[in-house]
C-alpha atoms as a PDB file:
ATOM      1  CA  MET A   1      10.618 -11.707 -23.284  1.00  0.00           C
ATOM      2  CA  GLN A   2      11.414  -9.733 -20.530  1.00  0.00           C
ATOM      3  CA  LEU A   3       9.823  -8.954 -16.864  1.00  0.00           C
ATOM      4  CA  ARG A   4      10.019  -6.211 -14.840  1.00  0.00           C
ATOM      5  CA  PHE A   5       9.194  -5.929 -11.289  1.00  0.00           C
ATOM      6  CA  VAL A   6       7.412  -2.915 -10.682  1.00  0.00           C
ATOM      7  CA  GLY A   7       6.829  -3.444  -7.173  1.00  0.00           C
ATOM      8  CA  CYS A   8       8.103  -6.557  -5.561  1.00  0.00           C
ATOM      9  CA  GLY A   9       7.161  -5.699  -1.909  1.00  0.00           C
ATOM     10  CA  ASP A  10       5.278  -7.508   0.478  1.00  0.00           C
ATOM     11  CA  ALA A  11       1.512  -5.978   2.563  1.00  0.00           C
ATOM     12  CA  PHE A  12       3.966  -3.703   4.821  1.00  0.00           C
ATOM     13  CA  GLY A  13       6.206  -2.298   2.700  1.00  0.00           C
ATOM     14  CA  SER A  14       9.289  -4.112   3.875  1.00  0.00           C
ATOM     15  CA  GLY A  15      12.669  -2.586   3.027  1.00  0.00           C
ATOM     16  CA  GLY A  16      10.557   0.239   1.356  1.00  0.00           C
ATOM     17  CA  ARG A  17       9.646  -1.856  -1.652  1.00  0.00           C
ATOM     18  CA  LEU A  18       6.176  -1.092  -3.669  1.00  0.00           C
ATOM     19  CA  ASN A  19       2.967  -3.296  -3.768  1.00  0.00           C
ATOM     20  CA  THR A  20       3.040  -6.649  -6.356  1.00  0.00           C
ATOM     21  CA  CYS A  21       3.057  -5.513 -10.037  1.00  0.00           C
ATOM     22  CA  PHE A  22       4.984  -7.279 -12.465  1.00  0.00           C
ATOM     23  CA  HIS A  23       5.141  -6.333 -16.187  1.00  0.00           C
ATOM     24  CA  VAL A  24       5.791  -8.810 -19.218  1.00  0.00           C
ATOM     25  CA  SER A  25       6.766  -7.582 -22.445  1.00  0.00           C
ATOM     26  CA  GLY A  26       7.661  -9.236 -25.661  1.00  0.00           C
ATOM     27  CA  ARG A  27       7.317  -9.396 -29.527  1.00  0.00           C
ATOM     28  CA  GLY A  28       3.250  -9.507 -28.925  1.00  0.00           C
ATOM     29  CA  THR A  29       2.754 -10.004 -25.699  1.00  0.00           C
ATOM     30  CA  ASN A  30       2.250  -6.706 -22.576  1.00  0.00           C
ATOM     31  CA  PHE A  31       0.480  -7.804 -19.761  1.00  0.00           C
ATOM     32  CA  LEU A  32       0.717  -7.324 -15.799  1.00  0.00           C
ATOM     33  CA  ILE A  33       0.381  -9.664 -13.511  1.00  0.00           C
ATOM     34  CA  ASP A  34      -1.071  -8.432  -9.957  1.00  0.00           C
ATOM     35  CA  CYS A  35      -1.886  -4.751  -9.474  1.00  0.00           C
ATOM     36  CA  GLY A  36      -0.939  -3.405  -5.888  1.00  0.00           C
ATOM     37  CA  ALA A  37      -2.235  -0.178  -4.673  1.00  0.00           C
ATOM     38  CA  SER A  38       1.207   1.280  -5.436  1.00  0.00           C
ATOM     39  CA  ALA A  39       1.237   0.169  -9.203  1.00  0.00           C
ATOM     40  CA  LEU A  40       0.090   3.376 -11.122  1.00  0.00           C
ATOM     41  CA  PRO A  41       3.024   5.869  -9.968  1.00  0.00           C
ATOM     42  CA  ALA A  42       5.881   2.686  -9.788  1.00  0.00           C
ATOM     43  CA  LEU A  43       4.648   2.298 -13.790  1.00  0.00           C
ATOM     44  CA  LYS A  44       4.915   6.203 -14.404  1.00  0.00           C
ATOM     45  CA  ARG A  45       8.449   6.232 -13.022  1.00  0.00           C
ATOM     46  CA  LEU A  46       9.661   3.694 -14.967  1.00  0.00           C
ATOM     47  CA  GLU A  47       7.791   4.853 -17.935  1.00  0.00           C
ATOM     48  CA  ILE A  48       6.045   2.307 -19.298  1.00  0.00           C
ATOM     49  CA  ASP A  49       2.870   2.943 -21.627  1.00  0.00           C
ATOM     50  CA  ARG A  50      -0.107   1.874 -19.833  1.00  0.00           C
ATOM     51  CA  ASN A  51      -1.735   2.180 -22.771  1.00  0.00           C
ATOM     52  CA  GLU A  52      -0.311  -0.758 -24.394  1.00  0.00           C
ATOM     53  CA  ILE A  53      -0.582  -3.079 -21.553  1.00  0.00           C
ATOM     54  CA  ASP A  54      -3.701  -5.291 -23.178  1.00  0.00           C
ATOM     55  CA  LEU A  55      -4.115  -7.557 -20.413  1.00  0.00           C
ATOM     56  CA  ILE A  56      -4.018  -7.606 -16.103  1.00  0.00           C
ATOM     57  CA  LEU A  57      -4.129 -10.471 -14.404  1.00  0.00           C
ATOM     58  CA  ILE A  58      -5.174 -10.670 -10.430  1.00  0.00           C
ATOM     59  CA  THR A  59      -3.761 -13.600  -7.962  1.00  0.00           C
ATOM     60  CA  HIS A  60      -6.310 -12.527  -5.134  1.00  0.00           C
ATOM     61  CA  PHE A  61      -8.148  -9.755  -3.926  1.00  0.00           C
ATOM     62  CA  HIS A  62      -6.032  -8.105  -0.961  1.00  0.00           C
ATOM     63  CA  GLY A  63      -5.029  -4.384  -1.150  1.00  0.00           C
ATOM     64  CA  ASP A  64      -1.053  -5.253  -2.134  1.00  0.00           C
ATOM     65  CA  HIS A  65      -2.239  -7.373  -5.141  1.00  0.00           C
ATOM     66  CA  PHE A  66      -5.486  -5.581  -6.461  1.00  0.00           C
ATOM     67  CA  ALA A  67      -6.106  -2.183  -5.380  1.00  0.00           C
ATOM     68  CA  GLY A  68      -4.253  -0.447  -7.836  1.00  0.00           C
ATOM     69  CA  LEU A  69      -6.431  -1.205 -10.694  1.00  0.00           C
ATOM     70  CA  PRO A  70      -9.151   1.574  -9.895  1.00  0.00           C
ATOM     71  CA  PHE A  71      -5.871   3.967 -10.248  1.00  0.00           C
ATOM     72  CA  VAL A  72      -4.973   2.426 -13.328  1.00  0.00           C
ATOM     73  CA  LEU A  73      -8.130   2.832 -14.922  1.00  0.00           C
ATOM     74  CA  LEU A  74      -8.704   6.213 -13.904  1.00  0.00           C
ATOM     75  CA  ASP A  75      -5.616   6.825 -15.318  1.00  0.00           C
ATOM     76  CA  ALA A  76      -7.175   4.815 -18.626  1.00  0.00           C
ATOM     77  CA  GLN A  77      -9.590   6.793 -18.846  1.00  0.00           C
ATOM     78  CA  PHE A  78      -8.310  10.641 -18.343  1.00  0.00           C
ATOM     79  CA  SER A  79      -5.237   9.732 -20.701  1.00  0.00           C
ATOM     80  CA  ARG A  80      -7.841   8.811 -23.596  1.00  0.00           C
ATOM     81  CA  ARG A  81      -7.360   5.087 -23.711  1.00  0.00           C
ATOM     82  CA  THR A  82      -8.751   3.433 -27.023  1.00  0.00           C
ATOM     83  CA  LYS A  83      -7.163   0.038 -26.882  1.00  0.00           C
ATOM     84  CA  PRO A  84      -9.089  -2.569 -25.637  1.00  0.00           C
ATOM     85  CA  LEU A  85      -8.163  -4.067 -22.056  1.00  0.00           C
ATOM     86  CA  THR A  86      -9.411  -7.333 -20.133  1.00  0.00           C
ATOM     87  CA  ILE A  87      -8.787  -7.787 -16.664  1.00  0.00           C
ATOM     88  CA  ALA A  88      -8.918 -11.302 -15.767  1.00  0.00           C
ATOM     89  CA  GLY A  89      -8.547 -12.639 -12.382  1.00  0.00           C
ATOM     90  CA  PRO A  90     -10.720 -15.486  -9.686  1.00  0.00           C
ATOM     91  CA  GLN A  91     -14.143 -15.961  -9.330  1.00  0.00           C
ATOM     92  CA  GLY A  92     -16.003 -12.747  -7.958  1.00  0.00           C
ATOM     93  CA  ILE A  93     -13.929 -10.544  -9.909  1.00  0.00           C
ATOM     94  CA  GLU A  94     -16.135  -8.222 -11.447  1.00  0.00           C
ATOM     95  CA  ARG A  95     -17.859  -7.410  -8.180  1.00  0.00           C
ATOM     96  CA  ARG A  96     -14.682  -7.256  -6.140  1.00  0.00           C
ATOM     97  CA  LEU A  97     -13.643  -4.809  -8.989  1.00  0.00           C
ATOM     98  CA  ARG A  98     -17.290  -2.814  -8.643  1.00  0.00           C
ATOM     99  CA  GLU A  99     -16.685  -2.466  -5.122  1.00  0.00           C
ATOM    100  CA  VAL A 100     -13.068  -1.135  -4.900  1.00  0.00           C
ATOM    101  CA  MET A 101     -13.823   1.127  -7.336  1.00  0.00           C
ATOM    102  CA  GLU A 102     -16.775   2.099  -5.839  1.00  0.00           C
ATOM    103  CA  ALA A 103     -14.880   2.480  -2.454  1.00  0.00           C
ATOM    104  CA  LEU A 104     -11.958   4.815  -3.660  1.00  0.00           C
ATOM    105  CA  PHE A 105     -13.544   6.916  -6.214  1.00  0.00           C
ATOM    106  CA  GLU A 106     -17.636   7.110  -5.831  1.00  0.00           C
ATOM    107  CA  HIS A 107     -19.677   6.510  -8.993  1.00  0.00           C
ATOM    108  CA  SER A 108     -16.320   5.326 -11.164  1.00  0.00           C
ATOM    109  CA  SER A 109     -17.650   1.865 -11.445  1.00  0.00           C
ATOM    110  CA  LYS A 110     -20.794   3.209 -13.525  1.00  0.00           C
ATOM    111  CA  THR A 111     -18.808   5.686 -15.479  1.00  0.00           C
ATOM    112  CA  ARG A 112     -18.944   4.332 -18.945  1.00  0.00           C
ATOM    113  CA  GLN A 113     -15.302   3.596 -20.164  1.00  0.00           C
ATOM    114  CA  ARG A 114     -13.916   5.320 -23.297  1.00  0.00           C
ATOM    115  CA  PHE A 115     -12.673   2.016 -24.244  1.00  0.00           C
ATOM    116  CA  GLU A 116     -13.609  -1.761 -23.874  1.00  0.00           C
ATOM    117  CA  LEU A 117     -13.262  -2.999 -20.792  1.00  0.00           C
ATOM    118  CA  ASN A 118     -13.874  -7.476 -20.149  1.00  0.00           C
ATOM    119  CA  VAL A 119     -13.937  -8.371 -17.162  1.00  0.00           C
ATOM    120  CA  VAL A 120     -12.833 -12.422 -17.164  1.00  0.00           C
ATOM    121  CA  GLU A 121     -13.506 -15.294 -14.328  1.00  0.00           C
ATOM    122  CA  LEU A 122     -10.723 -17.699 -14.332  1.00  0.00           C
ATOM    123  CA  ALA A 123     -11.397 -21.074 -12.412  1.00  0.00           C
ATOM    124  CA  PRO A 124      -8.579 -23.623 -10.855  1.00  0.00           C
ATOM    125  CA  ALA A 125      -7.228 -26.036 -13.746  1.00  0.00           C
ATOM    126  CA  GLN A 126      -8.878 -24.486 -16.934  1.00  0.00           C
ATOM    127  CA  SER A 127      -6.524 -22.818 -19.163  1.00  0.00           C
ATOM    128  CA  GLN A 128      -7.781 -19.905 -21.186  1.00  0.00           C
ATOM    129  CA  SER A 129      -5.994 -17.793 -24.184  1.00  0.00           C
ATOM    130  CA  PHE A 130      -5.585 -13.828 -24.512  1.00  0.00           C
ATOM    131  CA  GLY A 131      -4.635 -13.276 -27.866  1.00  0.00           C
ATOM    132  CA  ALA A 132      -0.807 -14.540 -27.712  1.00  0.00           C
ATOM    133  CA  VAL A 133      -0.796 -15.695 -24.032  1.00  0.00           C
ATOM    134  CA  THR A 134      -2.104 -18.818 -22.697  1.00  0.00           C
ATOM    135  CA  VAL A 135      -3.093 -18.899 -18.412  1.00  0.00           C
ATOM    136  CA  THR A 136      -3.411 -21.792 -16.196  1.00  0.00           C
ATOM    137  CA  PRO A 137      -4.764 -20.927 -12.693  1.00  0.00           C
ATOM    138  CA  TYR A 138      -3.476 -23.151 -10.361  1.00  0.00           C
ATOM    139  CA  PRO A 139      -5.463 -22.890  -6.546  1.00  0.00           C
ATOM    140  CA  VAL A 140      -3.175 -21.775  -3.948  1.00  0.00           C
ATOM    141  CA  VAL A 141      -3.660 -21.497   0.240  1.00  0.00           C
ATOM    142  CA  HIS A 142      -3.755 -17.928   1.702  1.00  0.00           C
ATOM    143  CA  GLY A 143      -5.712 -17.765   4.423  1.00  0.00           C
ATOM    144  CA  GLU A 144     -10.021 -17.048   4.295  1.00  0.00           C
ATOM    145  CA  SER A 145     -10.671 -13.751   3.212  1.00  0.00           C
ATOM    146  CA  GLY A 146      -9.592 -12.013   0.040  1.00  0.00           C
ATOM    147  CA  GLY A 147      -9.885 -15.429  -2.293  1.00  0.00           C
ATOM    148  CA  PRO A 148     -10.143 -17.424  -3.929  1.00  0.00           C
ATOM    149  CA  PHE A 149      -6.572 -17.587  -4.500  1.00  0.00           C
ATOM    150  CA  LEU A 150      -5.106 -18.285  -8.101  1.00  0.00           C
ATOM    151  CA  ALA A 151      -1.031 -19.201  -8.669  1.00  0.00           C
ATOM    152  CA  TYR A 152      -0.593 -18.523 -12.578  1.00  0.00           C
ATOM    153  CA  ARG A 153       1.476 -20.467 -15.583  1.00  0.00           C
ATOM    154  CA  VAL A 154       1.542 -18.413 -18.334  1.00  0.00           C
ATOM    155  CA  GLU A 155       2.956 -19.446 -22.109  1.00  0.00           C
ATOM    156  CA  ALA A 156       3.651 -16.949 -24.651  1.00  0.00           C
ATOM    157  CA  GLU A 157       6.161 -16.643 -27.356  1.00  0.00           C
ATOM    158  CA  GLY A 158       7.707 -20.249 -26.553  1.00  0.00           C
ATOM    159  CA  ARG A 159       8.483 -19.258 -23.020  1.00  0.00           C
ATOM    160  CA  THR A 160       7.172 -20.166 -19.824  1.00  0.00           C
ATOM    161  CA  LEU A 161       6.575 -17.813 -16.896  1.00  0.00           C
ATOM    162  CA  ALA A 162       5.067 -19.361 -13.403  1.00  0.00           C
ATOM    163  CA  TYR A 163       4.210 -17.234 -10.516  1.00  0.00           C
ATOM    164  CA  SER A 164       3.460 -18.899  -6.692  1.00  0.00           C
ATOM    165  CA  ALA A 165       1.224 -15.634  -5.373  1.00  0.00           C
ATOM    166  CA  ASP A 166       0.803 -15.573  -2.033  1.00  0.00           C
ATOM    167  CA  THR A 167       0.760 -19.099  -0.301  1.00  0.00           C
ATOM    168  CA  GLU A 168       1.694 -21.750   2.047  1.00  0.00           C
ATOM    169  CA  TRP A 169       3.566 -24.847   0.777  1.00  0.00           C
ATOM    170  CA  THR A 170       0.771 -26.673  -1.721  1.00  0.00           C
ATOM    171  CA  GLU A 171       1.606 -29.333  -3.729  1.00  0.00           C
ATOM    172  CA  ALA A 172      -0.036 -27.451  -6.293  1.00  0.00           C
ATOM    173  CA  LEU A 173       3.214 -25.327  -6.924  1.00  0.00           C
ATOM    174  CA  ILE A 174       5.094 -28.405  -8.403  1.00  0.00           C
ATOM    175  CA  PRO A 175       3.026 -28.701 -11.963  1.00  0.00           C
ATOM    176  CA  LEU A 176       2.446 -24.809 -11.537  1.00  0.00           C
ATOM    177  CA  ALA A 177       6.275 -24.137 -12.004  1.00  0.00           C
ATOM    178  CA  HIS A 178       7.365 -27.683 -13.226  1.00  0.00           C
ATOM    179  CA  GLY A 179      10.160 -26.989 -16.222  1.00  0.00           C
ATOM    180  CA  ALA A 180       9.453 -23.653 -16.123  1.00  0.00           C
ATOM    181  CA  ASP A 181      11.740 -21.076 -17.779  1.00  0.00           C
ATOM    182  CA  LEU A 182      10.994 -18.203 -14.924  1.00  0.00           C
ATOM    183  CA  PHE A 183       9.522 -19.622 -11.654  1.00  0.00           C
ATOM    184  CA  ILE A 184       8.541 -16.438  -9.566  1.00  0.00           C
ATOM    185  CA  ALA A 185       8.142 -17.487  -5.942  1.00  0.00           C
ATOM    186  CA  GLU A 186       6.793 -15.985  -2.725  1.00  0.00           C
ATOM    187  CA  ALA A 187       9.747 -16.172   0.341  1.00  0.00           C
ATOM    188  CA  TYR A 188       8.331 -14.594   2.881  1.00  0.00           C
ATOM    189  CA  MET A 189       9.828 -15.657   5.735  1.00  0.00           C
ATOM    190  CA  TYR A 190      13.648 -17.599   5.315  1.00  0.00           C
ATOM    191  CA  GLU A 191      13.121 -20.736   7.896  1.00  0.00           C
ATOM    192  CA  LYS A 192       9.893 -19.675  10.285  1.00  0.00           C
ATOM    193  CA  VAL A 193       6.942 -21.111   9.085  1.00  0.00           C
ATOM    194  CA  VAL A 194       4.068 -18.707   8.889  1.00  0.00           C
ATOM    195  CA  LYS A 195       0.484 -19.602   8.372  1.00  0.00           C
ATOM    196  CA  ASN A 196      -0.677 -18.655   5.014  1.00  0.00           C
ATOM    197  CA  HIS A 197       3.060 -17.806   3.623  1.00  0.00           C
ATOM    198  CA  LEU A 198       6.123 -19.579   1.994  1.00  0.00           C
ATOM    199  CA  SER A 199       9.811 -19.561   3.646  1.00  0.00           C
ATOM    200  CA  LEU A 200      12.367 -19.791   1.510  1.00  0.00           C
ATOM    201  CA  LYS A 201      13.577 -23.424   3.555  1.00  0.00           C
ATOM    202  CA  THR A 202      10.324 -24.892   3.241  1.00  0.00           C
ATOM    203  CA  LEU A 203      10.507 -23.753  -0.382  1.00  0.00           C
ATOM    204  CA  GLU A 204      14.167 -25.589  -0.907  1.00  0.00           C
ATOM    205  CA  GLN A 205      12.628 -28.335   0.006  1.00  0.00           C
ATOM    206  CA  HIS A 206      10.520 -28.798  -2.719  1.00  0.00           C
ATOM    207  CA  LEU A 207      12.702 -26.981  -5.747  1.00  0.00           C
ATOM    208  CA  PRO A 208      14.163 -30.507  -7.268  1.00  0.00           C
ATOM    209  CA  ASP A 209      10.656 -32.058  -7.700  1.00  0.00           C
ATOM    210  CA  ILE A 210       9.691 -28.108  -9.330  1.00  0.00           C
ATOM    211  CA  GLY A 211      12.419 -28.259 -12.024  1.00  0.00           C
ATOM    212  CA  ALA A 212      12.205 -24.945 -13.101  1.00  0.00           C
ATOM    213  CA  ARG A 213      15.182 -23.423 -14.860  1.00  0.00           C
ATOM    214  CA  ARG A 214      15.135 -19.913 -12.887  1.00  0.00           C
ATOM    215  CA  LEU A 215      13.831 -19.140  -9.946  1.00  0.00           C
ATOM    216  CA  VAL A 216      13.547 -15.610  -8.452  1.00  0.00           C
ATOM    217  CA  LEU A 217      12.436 -14.777  -4.957  1.00  0.00           C
ATOM    218  CA  THR A 218      10.058 -11.961  -4.309  1.00  0.00           C
ATOM    219  CA  HIS A 219       7.283 -10.864  -1.453  1.00  0.00           C
ATOM    220  CA  MET A 220       9.828 -10.810   1.133  1.00  0.00           C
ATOM    221  CA  SER A 221       9.535  -9.302   4.925  1.00  0.00           C
ATOM    222  CA  ASP A 222      12.380  -7.853   6.659  1.00  0.00           C
ATOM    223  CA  ASP A 223      13.518 -11.415   7.627  1.00  0.00           C
ATOM    224  CA  MET A 224      14.351 -12.103   4.465  1.00  0.00           C
ATOM    225  CA  LEU A 225      15.671  -9.001   2.980  1.00  0.00           C
ATOM    226  CA  SER A 226      18.529  -8.864   6.193  1.00  0.00           C
ATOM    227  CA  ARG A 227      20.001 -12.394   4.600  1.00  0.00           C
ATOM    228  CA  LEU A 228      19.823 -11.396   0.945  1.00  0.00           C
ATOM    229  CA  ASP A 229      23.701 -10.948   0.764  1.00  0.00           C
ATOM    230  CA  THR A 230      24.105 -14.527   1.915  1.00  0.00           C
ATOM    231  CA  LEU A 231      21.664 -16.267  -0.335  1.00  0.00           C
ATOM    232  CA  PRO A 232      22.472 -18.507  -3.567  1.00  0.00           C
ATOM    233  CA  TYR A 233      19.022 -17.114  -5.308  1.00  0.00           C
ATOM    234  CA  MET A 234      18.053 -14.269  -7.232  1.00  0.00           C
ATOM    235  CA  ALA A 235      15.969 -11.886  -5.248  1.00  0.00           C
ATOM    236  CA  ALA A 236      13.351  -9.310  -7.255  1.00  0.00           C
ATOM    237  CA  GLU A 237      13.998  -5.574  -6.398  1.00  0.00           C
ATOM    238  CA  ASP A 238      11.777  -2.684  -7.607  1.00  0.00           C
ATOM    239  CA  GLY A 239      12.705  -1.908 -11.122  1.00  0.00           C
ATOM    240  CA  MET A 240      14.415  -5.003 -11.637  1.00  0.00           C
ATOM    241  CA  VAL A 241      14.775  -6.779 -15.557  1.00  0.00           C
ATOM    242  CA  VAL A 242      14.602 -10.593 -15.899  1.00  0.00           C
ATOM    243  CA  VAL A 243      15.192 -11.293 -19.743  1.00  0.00           C
ATOM    244  CA  PHE A 244      13.879 -15.249 -20.287  1.00  0.00           C
END
């Protein structure tokens, strides 16, 4: 199974990086985690077949993680997609999706899709299976607006992937990523503690308890990007592929 960083940037496009969107694929697995505003052109640039994606997991409703959905759905409609698609995310996702569709493409939320579209709410600590993919959400801390905020532990094809989403340090990250084959963690700042975000130095203090087999840093500010050559950890780049 492999993960491709379609986009790994923050909300401000630091370093010219695209908004968050990860593509996970395997023998019987094909899904996205988050779908930021730049997702569709990035998917096309990487020649990822959007019509083969059967699940999109959304961690929260900030534009750099969520606002690409109207474009992806419009593309699916005009490319005559027939394969069913499931979009799953925090409580309120159906309403939020309808609102962003109307804000960006008026009347698009009322258009009857050519394909079956299922929108599913996920609740913290309640695992849910989508075909060969089992998702367990964990609540994380990322402010007041744009939530609820979820991190995901995903099990598929005998592998475990954990993603912190955007969050300040919370003890929920320990069971989220404990023993995971791959842990994708926000490292927005190097050392400075910023409300609602995670710094690398804070994360480092807890890595022994987390015990993930592999760590990749994402959602980095200019502060972090300026230090990449000095870090002992793998840092995500747009287009990078990790096999796990």
